[in-house]
């Protein structure tokens, strides 16, 4: 499956406030990303899990990563 922009890997630190998650990239950068799924995501939101995120080029977004 092709995504535009391409997805990047990271490790989940924590998911909180329904819409936000903190992740750490392979180079050690910590990011707060927007999580569009507001459900519990039981079984796929465990700290340490690999997650995939994208970066938007929009300058108006509060959180450029999703």
N, C-alpha and C. Protein backbone atom coordinates (compact mmCIF):
# COMPACT_ATOMS: atom_id res chain seq x y z
N UNK A 1 0.84 -1.17 0.00
CA UNK A 1 0.00 0.00 0.00
C UNK A 1 0.89 1.24 0.00
N UNK A 2 0.57 2.19 -0.82
CA UNK A 2 1.36 3.43 -0.93
C UNK A 2 0.65 4.57 -0.20
N UNK A 3 1.40 5.30 0.61
CA UNK A 3 0.86 6.46 1.32
C UNK A 3 1.60 7.71 0.87
N UNK A 4 0.90 8.79 0.79
CA UNK A 4 1.52 10.06 0.44
C UNK A 4 1.07 11.10 1.44
N UNK A 5 1.97 11.62 2.26
CA UNK A 5 3.41 11.34 2.33
C UNK A 5 3.68 9.96 2.93
N UNK A 6 4.87 9.42 2.69
CA UNK A 6 5.23 8.09 3.19
C UNK A 6 5.16 8.03 4.72
N UNK A 7 4.80 6.84 5.23
CA UNK A 7 4.75 6.64 6.68
C UNK A 7 6.15 6.40 7.23
N UNK A 8 6.35 6.82 8.49
CA UNK A 8 7.63 6.65 9.17
C UNK A 8 7.40 5.86 10.45
N UNK A 9 8.35 5.01 10.86
CA UNK A 9 8.16 4.22 12.08
C UNK A 9 8.54 5.01 13.33
N UNK A 10 7.94 4.60 14.45
CA UNK A 10 8.27 5.17 15.76
C UNK A 10 7.82 4.17 16.82
N UNK A 11 8.21 4.40 18.06
CA UNK A 11 7.78 3.58 19.20
C UNK A 11 6.81 4.40 20.04
N UNK A 12 5.70 3.80 20.41
CA UNK A 12 4.69 4.48 21.22
C UNK A 12 5.18 4.63 22.66
N UNK A 13 5.10 5.84 23.17
CA UNK A 13 5.39 6.09 24.58
C UNK A 13 4.08 6.01 25.36
N UNK A 14 3.09 6.79 24.93
CA UNK A 14 1.78 6.80 25.60
C UNK A 14 0.75 7.45 24.69
N UNK A 15 -0.49 7.03 24.86
CA UNK A 15 -1.62 7.66 24.18
C UNK A 15 -2.50 8.28 25.25
N UNK A 16 -2.94 9.52 25.03
CA UNK A 16 -3.70 10.23 26.07
C UNK A 16 -4.63 11.26 25.45
N UNK A 17 -5.56 11.76 26.23
CA UNK A 17 -6.51 12.79 25.81
C UNK A 17 -7.24 12.45 24.52
N UNK A 18 -7.52 11.16 24.29
CA UNK A 18 -8.25 10.64 23.13
C UNK A 18 -7.59 10.91 21.79
N UNK A 19 -7.05 12.09 21.55
CA UNK A 19 -6.56 12.46 20.23
C UNK A 19 -5.04 12.52 20.13
N UNK A 20 -4.30 12.36 21.21
CA UNK A 20 -2.85 12.58 21.19
C UNK A 20 -2.07 11.33 21.60
N UNK A 21 -0.87 11.23 21.06
CA UNK A 21 0.04 10.16 21.44
C UNK A 21 1.46 10.72 21.40
N UNK A 22 2.29 10.27 22.34
CA UNK A 22 3.71 10.61 22.32
C UNK A 22 4.45 9.41 21.77
N UNK A 23 5.37 9.67 20.83
CA UNK A 23 6.16 8.61 20.22
C UNK A 23 7.62 9.04 20.19
N UNK A 24 8.51 8.06 20.05
CA UNK A 24 9.93 8.35 19.88
C UNK A 24 10.38 7.73 18.56
N UNK A 25 11.07 8.53 17.75
CA UNK A 25 11.53 8.09 16.44
C UNK A 25 12.81 7.26 16.59
N UNK A 26 13.24 6.57 15.53
CA UNK A 26 14.48 5.78 15.60
C UNK A 26 15.72 6.62 15.93
N UNK A 27 15.69 7.93 15.64
CA UNK A 27 16.85 8.78 15.95
C UNK A 27 16.74 9.40 17.33
N UNK A 28 15.68 9.04 18.10
CA UNK A 28 15.55 9.50 19.47
C UNK A 28 14.74 10.77 19.66
N UNK A 29 14.12 11.28 18.62
CA UNK A 29 13.30 12.48 18.71
C UNK A 29 11.92 12.11 19.27
N UNK A 30 11.46 12.84 20.28
CA UNK A 30 10.13 12.62 20.84
C UNK A 30 9.14 13.56 20.17
N UNK A 31 8.03 12.99 19.68
CA UNK A 31 7.01 13.77 18.98
C UNK A 31 5.66 13.56 19.63
N UNK A 32 4.83 14.58 19.63
CA UNK A 32 3.43 14.45 19.98
C UNK A 32 2.66 14.43 18.66
N UNK A 33 1.90 13.38 18.45
CA UNK A 33 1.18 13.23 17.19
C UNK A 33 -0.33 13.22 17.43
N UNK A 34 -1.08 13.59 16.40
CA UNK A 34 -2.54 13.55 16.44
C UNK A 34 -3.00 12.15 16.09
N UNK A 35 -3.90 11.62 16.87
CA UNK A 35 -4.45 10.28 16.63
C UNK A 35 -5.91 10.44 16.25
N UNK A 36 -6.26 10.16 15.02
CA UNK A 36 -7.62 10.39 14.53
C UNK A 36 -8.64 9.42 15.13
N UNK A 37 -8.22 8.22 15.54
CA UNK A 37 -9.13 7.24 16.11
C UNK A 37 -9.32 7.54 17.60
N UNK A 38 -10.54 7.94 17.99
CA UNK A 38 -10.80 8.32 19.37
C UNK A 38 -11.25 7.14 20.24
N UNK A 39 -11.37 5.98 19.67
CA UNK A 39 -11.80 4.79 20.42
C UNK A 39 -10.66 4.30 21.32
N UNK A 40 -10.93 3.29 22.10
CA UNK A 40 -9.96 2.77 23.07
C UNK A 40 -8.72 2.17 22.41
N UNK A 41 -8.86 1.61 21.21
CA UNK A 41 -7.75 0.95 20.52
C UNK A 41 -7.10 -0.13 21.39
N UNK A 42 -7.92 -0.83 22.16
CA UNK A 42 -7.43 -1.88 23.04
C UNK A 42 -6.64 -2.90 22.23
N UNK A 43 -5.44 -3.21 22.70
CA UNK A 43 -4.61 -4.19 22.03
C UNK A 43 -3.65 -3.62 21.01
N UNK A 44 -3.81 -2.35 20.64
CA UNK A 44 -2.88 -1.77 19.67
C UNK A 44 -2.37 -0.41 20.13
N UNK A 45 -2.46 -0.14 21.41
CA UNK A 45 -1.95 1.12 21.96
C UNK A 45 -1.11 0.86 23.20
N UNK A 46 -0.35 -0.22 23.17
CA UNK A 46 0.51 -0.58 24.29
C UNK A 46 1.85 0.15 24.18
N UNK A 47 2.28 0.82 25.26
CA UNK A 47 3.59 1.48 25.20
C UNK A 47 4.68 0.52 24.74
N UNK A 48 5.52 0.99 23.84
CA UNK A 48 6.58 0.18 23.27
C UNK A 48 6.24 -0.40 21.91
N UNK A 49 4.96 -0.38 21.54
CA UNK A 49 4.55 -0.88 20.23
C UNK A 49 5.13 -0.02 19.11
N UNK A 50 5.35 -0.63 17.96
CA UNK A 50 5.74 0.12 16.77
C UNK A 50 4.50 0.77 16.18
N UNK A 51 4.61 2.05 15.89
CA UNK A 51 3.52 2.79 15.24
C UNK A 51 4.07 3.42 13.97
N UNK A 52 3.17 3.80 13.07
CA UNK A 52 3.54 4.44 11.82
C UNK A 52 2.84 5.78 11.77
N UNK A 53 3.57 6.82 11.41
CA UNK A 53 2.99 8.16 11.37
C UNK A 53 3.39 8.87 10.09
N UNK A 54 2.63 9.92 9.77
CA UNK A 54 2.94 10.74 8.61
C UNK A 54 3.11 12.18 9.07
N UNK A 55 3.76 12.97 8.25
CA UNK A 55 3.97 14.39 8.53
C UNK A 55 3.29 15.21 7.45
N UNK A 56 2.44 16.13 7.88
CA UNK A 56 1.72 17.00 6.95
C UNK A 56 2.57 18.22 6.61
N UNK A 57 2.42 18.71 5.40
CA UNK A 57 3.15 19.91 5.00
C UNK A 57 2.36 21.19 5.33
N UNK A 58 1.17 21.05 5.87
CA UNK A 58 0.33 22.20 6.21
C UNK A 58 0.94 22.99 7.37
N UNK A 59 1.08 24.28 7.19
CA UNK A 59 1.65 25.13 8.24
C UNK A 59 0.62 25.53 9.29
N UNK A 60 -0.64 25.27 9.05
CA UNK A 60 -1.70 25.68 9.97
C UNK A 60 -2.07 24.61 11.00
N UNK A 61 -1.54 23.42 10.85
CA UNK A 61 -1.87 22.35 11.81
C UNK A 61 -1.15 22.56 13.12
N UNK A 62 -1.88 22.34 14.23
CA UNK A 62 -1.26 22.44 15.55
C UNK A 62 -0.27 21.29 15.77
N UNK A 63 -0.65 20.08 15.32
CA UNK A 63 0.21 18.91 15.40
C UNK A 63 0.47 18.44 13.97
N UNK A 64 1.65 18.66 13.44
CA UNK A 64 1.91 18.30 12.04
C UNK A 64 1.99 16.80 11.76
N UNK A 65 2.10 16.00 12.81
CA UNK A 65 2.24 14.54 12.64
C UNK A 65 0.93 13.85 12.98
N UNK A 66 0.61 12.80 12.23
CA UNK A 66 -0.60 11.99 12.48
C UNK A 66 -0.25 10.52 12.51
